[in-house]
């Protein structure tokens, strides 16, 4: 729920036209924040994919070595 800002705060003047005591409640479903100083979360997929490919390559080589070696 959104509460009314206190007088003297930064949002007090901005939110003067908003009706905080309406009969129907307001629900914020999505909040968009502009964060230019943060990296995109998608950048973390690259190391994960690289590690997965490395594990697959190592396991494939290990499997090929076990299949061809005499018991």
N, C-alpha and C. Protein backbone atom coordinates (compact mmCIF):
# COMPACT_ATOMS: atom_id res chain seq x y z
N UNK A 1 0.83 -1.19 0.00
CA UNK A 1 0.00 0.00 0.00
C UNK A 1 0.87 1.24 0.00
N UNK A 2 0.38 2.29 -0.63
CA UNK A 2 1.11 3.54 -0.70
C UNK A 2 0.63 4.44 0.43
N UNK A 3 1.54 4.93 1.22
CA UNK A 3 1.18 5.83 2.31
C UNK A 3 1.48 7.26 1.91
N UNK A 4 0.76 8.17 2.52
CA UNK A 4 0.91 9.59 2.22
C UNK A 4 2.26 10.08 2.72
N UNK A 5 3.01 10.81 1.88
CA UNK A 5 4.32 11.32 2.32
C UNK A 5 4.15 12.45 3.34
N UNK A 6 5.11 12.55 4.23
CA UNK A 6 5.08 13.59 5.25
C UNK A 6 5.42 14.94 4.65
N UNK A 7 4.85 16.02 5.21
CA UNK A 7 5.22 17.36 4.75
C UNK A 7 6.71 17.61 4.97
N UNK A 8 7.32 18.24 4.01
CA UNK A 8 8.74 18.54 4.10
C UNK A 8 9.62 17.50 3.42
N UNK A 9 9.04 16.39 2.98
CA UNK A 9 9.82 15.38 2.28
C UNK A 9 9.85 15.69 0.79
N UNK A 10 10.71 14.99 0.07
CA UNK A 10 10.90 15.28 -1.35
C UNK A 10 9.65 14.99 -2.18
N UNK A 11 8.88 13.99 -1.80
CA UNK A 11 7.72 13.61 -2.60
C UNK A 11 6.44 14.33 -2.19
N UNK A 12 6.48 15.13 -1.15
CA UNK A 12 5.25 15.77 -0.65
C UNK A 12 4.62 16.67 -1.70
N UNK A 13 5.41 17.52 -2.35
CA UNK A 13 4.87 18.42 -3.36
C UNK A 13 4.42 17.66 -4.61
N UNK A 14 5.17 16.63 -4.98
CA UNK A 14 4.84 15.87 -6.18
C UNK A 14 3.53 15.10 -6.04
N UNK A 15 3.25 14.62 -4.87
CA UNK A 15 2.10 13.74 -4.66
C UNK A 15 0.87 14.47 -4.11
N UNK A 16 0.79 15.79 -4.23
CA UNK A 16 -0.35 16.55 -3.72
C UNK A 16 -1.64 16.20 -4.45
N UNK A 17 -1.58 15.85 -5.72
CA UNK A 17 -2.80 15.58 -6.49
C UNK A 17 -3.27 14.13 -6.35
N UNK A 18 -2.48 13.27 -5.74
CA UNK A 18 -2.84 11.87 -5.61
C UNK A 18 -3.80 11.69 -4.44
N UNK A 19 -4.87 10.91 -4.66
CA UNK A 19 -5.87 10.67 -3.61
C UNK A 19 -5.47 9.43 -2.82
N UNK A 20 -4.90 9.63 -1.63
CA UNK A 20 -4.46 8.52 -0.80
C UNK A 20 -5.60 7.86 -0.05
N UNK A 21 -6.74 8.52 0.03
CA UNK A 21 -7.85 8.01 0.83
C UNK A 21 -9.02 7.58 -0.06
N UNK A 22 -8.74 7.12 -1.25
CA UNK A 22 -9.78 6.67 -2.17
C UNK A 22 -10.39 5.35 -1.68
N UNK A 23 -11.57 5.06 -2.17
CA UNK A 23 -12.24 3.83 -1.77
C UNK A 23 -11.56 2.60 -2.37
N UNK A 24 -11.12 2.71 -3.60
CA UNK A 24 -10.42 1.58 -4.22
C UNK A 24 -8.92 1.71 -3.95
N UNK A 25 -8.34 0.62 -3.55
CA UNK A 25 -6.91 0.64 -3.23
C UNK A 25 -6.08 0.57 -4.49
N UNK A 26 -4.93 1.18 -4.43
CA UNK A 26 -4.00 1.20 -5.55
C UNK A 26 -2.96 0.11 -5.32
N UNK A 27 -2.72 -0.71 -6.34
CA UNK A 27 -1.71 -1.76 -6.25
C UNK A 27 -0.65 -1.50 -7.31
N UNK A 28 0.59 -1.40 -6.87
CA UNK A 28 1.71 -1.24 -7.80
C UNK A 28 2.17 -2.63 -8.21
N UNK A 29 2.01 -2.94 -9.48
CA UNK A 29 2.39 -4.26 -9.97
C UNK A 29 3.81 -4.29 -10.49
N UNK A 30 4.26 -3.21 -11.10
CA UNK A 30 5.60 -3.16 -11.67
C UNK A 30 6.21 -1.80 -11.38
N UNK A 31 7.47 -1.81 -10.99
CA UNK A 31 8.21 -0.57 -10.77
C UNK A 31 9.43 -0.61 -11.67
N UNK A 32 9.57 0.40 -12.49
CA UNK A 32 10.72 0.51 -13.38
C UNK A 32 11.71 1.50 -12.80
N UNK A 33 12.95 1.06 -12.62
CA UNK A 33 14.00 1.91 -12.10
C UNK A 33 15.06 2.11 -13.16
N UNK A 34 15.49 3.34 -13.32
CA UNK A 34 16.57 3.63 -14.25
C UNK A 34 17.89 3.49 -13.49
N UNK A 35 18.66 2.46 -13.82
CA UNK A 35 19.92 2.19 -13.13
C UNK A 35 21.05 2.13 -14.15
N UNK A 36 21.55 3.28 -14.57
CA UNK A 36 22.61 3.27 -15.58
C UNK A 36 23.95 2.78 -15.04
N UNK A 37 24.15 2.78 -13.73
CA UNK A 37 25.44 2.38 -13.17
C UNK A 37 25.55 0.87 -12.96
N UNK A 38 24.46 0.12 -13.16
CA UNK A 38 24.49 -1.33 -12.98
C UNK A 38 24.63 -2.03 -14.31
N UNK A 39 25.36 -3.16 -14.29
CA UNK A 39 25.48 -3.98 -15.48
C UNK A 39 24.16 -4.70 -15.72
N UNK A 40 23.94 -5.08 -16.95
CA UNK A 40 22.75 -5.86 -17.28
C UNK A 40 22.88 -7.24 -16.65
N UNK A 41 21.76 -7.77 -16.19
CA UNK A 41 21.81 -9.09 -15.57
C UNK A 41 22.10 -10.19 -16.59
N UNK A 42 21.90 -9.90 -17.86
CA UNK A 42 22.15 -10.89 -18.90
C UNK A 42 23.63 -11.16 -19.11
N UNK A 43 24.51 -10.30 -18.63
CA UNK A 43 25.95 -10.49 -18.80
C UNK A 43 26.43 -11.74 -18.06
N UNK A 44 25.68 -12.18 -17.05
CA UNK A 44 26.09 -13.34 -16.28
C UNK A 44 25.79 -14.66 -16.99
N UNK A 45 25.03 -14.60 -18.09
CA UNK A 45 24.78 -15.81 -18.86
C UNK A 45 26.04 -16.26 -19.60
N UNK A 46 26.88 -15.33 -20.02
CA UNK A 46 28.06 -15.69 -20.80
C UNK A 46 29.02 -16.59 -20.03
N UNK A 47 29.43 -16.26 -18.80
CA UNK A 47 30.32 -17.18 -18.07
C UNK A 47 29.64 -18.51 -17.76
N UNK A 48 28.35 -18.50 -17.51
CA UNK A 48 27.64 -19.75 -17.21
C UNK A 48 27.63 -20.66 -18.43
N UNK A 49 27.38 -20.10 -19.59
CA UNK A 49 27.38 -20.91 -20.82
C UNK A 49 28.79 -21.41 -21.12
N UNK A 50 29.80 -20.57 -20.91
CA UNK A 50 31.18 -20.99 -21.14
C UNK A 50 31.56 -22.14 -20.20
N UNK A 51 31.16 -22.05 -18.94
CA UNK A 51 31.47 -23.11 -17.99
C UNK A 51 30.73 -24.40 -18.36
N UNK A 52 29.49 -24.28 -18.78
CA UNK A 52 28.74 -25.46 -19.19
C UNK A 52 29.38 -26.13 -20.40
N UNK A 53 29.81 -25.34 -21.38
CA UNK A 53 30.49 -25.91 -22.54
C UNK A 53 31.80 -26.57 -22.17
N UNK A 54 32.54 -25.98 -21.23
CA UNK A 54 33.79 -26.58 -20.77
C UNK A 54 33.53 -27.93 -20.10
N UNK A 55 32.51 -28.00 -19.27
CA UNK A 55 32.18 -29.26 -18.60
C UNK A 55 31.76 -30.31 -19.61
N UNK A 56 30.94 -29.92 -20.58
CA UNK A 56 30.51 -30.87 -21.62
C UNK A 56 31.72 -31.36 -22.41
N UNK A 57 32.63 -30.48 -22.77
CA UNK A 57 33.82 -30.87 -23.52
C UNK A 57 34.68 -31.84 -22.71
N UNK A 58 34.92 -31.52 -21.44
CA UNK A 58 35.73 -32.40 -20.61
C UNK A 58 35.07 -33.77 -20.42
N UNK A 59 33.78 -33.79 -20.20
CA UNK A 59 33.08 -35.06 -20.02
C UNK A 59 33.04 -35.87 -21.32
N UNK A 60 32.92 -35.19 -22.45
CA UNK A 60 32.92 -35.88 -23.74
C UNK A 60 34.28 -36.53 -23.99
N UNK A 61 35.35 -35.80 -23.68
CA UNK A 61 36.70 -36.36 -23.86
C UNK A 61 36.93 -37.52 -22.90
N UNK A 62 36.42 -37.41 -21.68
CA UNK A 62 36.58 -38.48 -20.69
C UNK A 62 35.81 -39.72 -21.14
N UNK A 63 34.62 -39.54 -21.66
CA UNK A 63 33.81 -40.66 -22.13
C UNK A 63 34.48 -41.34 -23.31
N UNK A 64 35.03 -40.57 -24.24
CA UNK A 64 35.70 -41.14 -25.40
C UNK A 64 36.93 -41.93 -24.97
N UNK A 65 37.65 -41.44 -23.96
CA UNK A 65 38.84 -42.14 -23.48
C UNK A 65 38.46 -43.44 -22.78
N UNK A 66 37.34 -43.46 -22.02
CA UNK A 66 36.91 -44.67 -21.33
C UNK A 66 36.39 -45.73 -22.30
N UNK A 67 35.75 -45.30 -23.37
CA UNK A 67 35.21 -46.24 -24.35
C UNK A 67 36.32 -46.91 -25.14
N UNK A 68 37.37 -46.18 -25.49
CA UNK A 68 38.45 -46.74 -26.31
C UNK A 68 39.52 -47.45 -25.51
N UNK A 69 39.60 -47.24 -24.21
CA UNK A 69 40.66 -47.88 -23.42
C UNK A 69 40.27 -49.32 -23.09
N UNK A 70 41.25 -50.23 -23.09
CA UNK A 70 40.96 -51.63 -22.74
C UNK A 70 40.75 -51.76 -21.24
N UNK A 71 39.89 -52.67 -20.87
CA UNK A 71 39.58 -52.87 -19.45
C UNK A 71 40.47 -53.91 -18.84
